[in-house]
Amino acid sequence: MGLVVVEQFIADLVGRLVSDELWVLFRRVEPPMEVKRPQGGGRRRAGDREALAAIIFVAT
């Protein structure tokens, strides 16, 4: 139950920090990234929108 609450909090925070309009603008300048994980190893990439929200959170 606690994990669901944390995930919802993060989703709400990302939604407030990165509006849909800002996300559209960001996607225009961000180059497309192809995810390569040879043999399925390594850590899964963090979401681009979540990463942008983290940058905005630290910068403000």
C-alpha atoms as a PDB file:
ATOM      1  CA  MET A   1       0.000   0.000   0.000  1.00  0.00           C
ATOM      2  CA  GLY A   2       2.798   2.447   0.843  1.00  0.00           C
ATOM      3  CA  LEU A   3       4.508   2.028  -2.538  1.00  0.00           C
ATOM      4  CA  VAL A   4       1.326   2.962  -4.378  1.00  0.00           C
ATOM      5  CA  VAL A   5       1.077   6.180  -2.371  1.00  0.00           C
ATOM      6  CA  VAL A   6       4.697   7.097  -3.164  1.00  0.00           C
ATOM      7  CA  GLU A   7       4.232   6.356  -6.878  1.00  0.00           C
ATOM      8  CA  GLN A   8       1.111   8.538  -6.966  1.00  0.00           C
ATOM      9  CA  PHE A   9       2.948  11.350  -5.159  1.00  0.00           C
ATOM     10  CA  ILE A  10       5.784  11.213  -7.699  1.00  0.00           C
ATOM     11  CA  ALA A  11       3.346  11.169 -10.607  1.00  0.00           C
ATOM     12  CA  ASP A  12       1.561  14.227  -9.187  1.00  0.00           C
ATOM     13  CA  LEU A  13       4.861  16.046  -8.648  1.00  0.00           C
ATOM     14  CA  VAL A  14       6.009  15.303 -12.201  1.00  0.00           C
ATOM     15  CA  GLY A  15       2.665  16.543 -13.512  1.00  0.00           C
ATOM     16  CA  ARG A  16       3.001  19.826 -11.624  1.00  0.00           C
ATOM     17  CA  LEU A  17       6.644  20.451 -12.556  1.00  0.00           C
ATOM     18  CA  VAL A  18       6.435  19.417 -16.213  1.00  0.00           C
ATOM     19  CA  SER A  19       3.215  20.643 -17.784  1.00  0.00           C
ATOM     20  CA  ASP A  20       1.982  19.137 -21.033  1.00  0.00           C
ATOM     21  CA  GLU A  21       2.943  22.322 -22.901  1.00  0.00           C
ATOM     22  CA  LEU A  22       6.492  22.227 -21.524  1.00  0.00           C
ATOM     23  CA  TRP A  23       6.766  18.533 -22.343  1.00  0.00           C
ATOM     24  CA  VAL A  24       5.764  19.160 -25.971  1.00  0.00           C
ATOM     25  CA  LEU A  25       8.420  21.878 -26.260  1.00  0.00           C
ATOM     26  CA  PHE A  26      11.052  19.665 -24.659  1.00  0.00           C
ATOM     27  CA  ARG A  27      10.302  16.735 -26.983  1.00  0.00           C
ATOM     28  CA  ARG A  28      10.915  19.023 -29.975  1.00  0.00           C
ATOM     29  CA  VAL A  29      14.520  19.762 -28.925  1.00  0.00           C
ATOM     30  CA  GLU A  30      15.416  16.444 -27.329  1.00  0.00           C
ATOM     31  CA  PRO A  31      17.073  14.026 -29.756  1.00  0.00           C
ATOM     32  CA  PRO A  32      15.466  10.596 -29.986  1.00  0.00           C
ATOM     33  CA  MET A  33      17.249   7.983 -27.902  1.00  0.00           C
ATOM     34  CA  GLU A  34      17.485   4.357 -28.869  1.00  0.00           C
ATOM     35  CA  VAL A  35      17.737   2.124 -25.835  1.00  0.00           C
ATOM     36  CA  LYS A  36      20.406  -0.537 -26.230  1.00  0.00           C
ATOM     37  CA  ARG A  37      20.879  -3.104 -23.512  1.00  0.00           C
ATOM     38  CA  PRO A  38      23.018  -5.928 -24.827  1.00  0.00           C
ATOM     39  CA  GLN A  39      21.755  -9.291 -23.634  1.00  0.00           C
ATOM     40  CA  GLY A  40      19.097  -7.568 -21.556  1.00  0.00           C
ATOM     41  CA  GLY A  41      21.603  -6.479 -18.915  1.00  0.00           C
ATOM     42  CA  GLY A  42      21.886  -3.234 -17.055  1.00  0.00           C
ATOM     43  CA  ARG A  43      19.425  -0.955 -15.404  1.00  0.00           C
ATOM     44  CA  ARG A  44      16.297   0.220 -17.164  1.00  0.00           C
ATOM     45  CA  ARG A  45      16.377   3.887 -18.205  1.00  0.00           C
ATOM     46  CA  ALA A  46      14.530   6.388 -16.101  1.00  0.00           C
ATOM     47  CA  GLY A  47      11.658   8.099 -17.876  1.00  0.00           C
ATOM     48  CA  ASP A  48      12.569  11.255 -19.777  1.00  0.00           C
ATOM     49  CA  ARG A  49       9.706  13.238 -18.277  1.00  0.00           C
ATOM     50  CA  GLU A  50      10.659  12.162 -14.766  1.00  0.00           C
ATOM     51  CA  ALA A  51      14.296  13.103 -15.412  1.00  0.00           C
ATOM     52  CA  LEU A  52      13.242  16.554 -16.662  1.00  0.00           C
ATOM     53  CA  ALA A  53      11.079  16.999 -13.552  1.00  0.00           C
ATOM     54  CA  ALA A  54      14.070  16.129 -11.345  1.00  0.00           C
ATOM     55  CA  ILE A  55      16.218  18.729 -13.135  1.00  0.00           C
ATOM     56  CA  ILE A  56      13.521  21.393 -12.717  1.00  0.00           C
ATOM     57  CA  PHE A  57      13.045  20.440  -9.054  1.00  0.00           C
ATOM     58  CA  VAL A  58      16.753  20.856  -8.293  1.00  0.00           C
ATOM     59  CA  ALA A  59      17.036  24.071 -10.323  1.00  0.00           C
ATOM     60  CA  THR A  60      14.160  25.807  -8.515  1.00  0.00           C
END
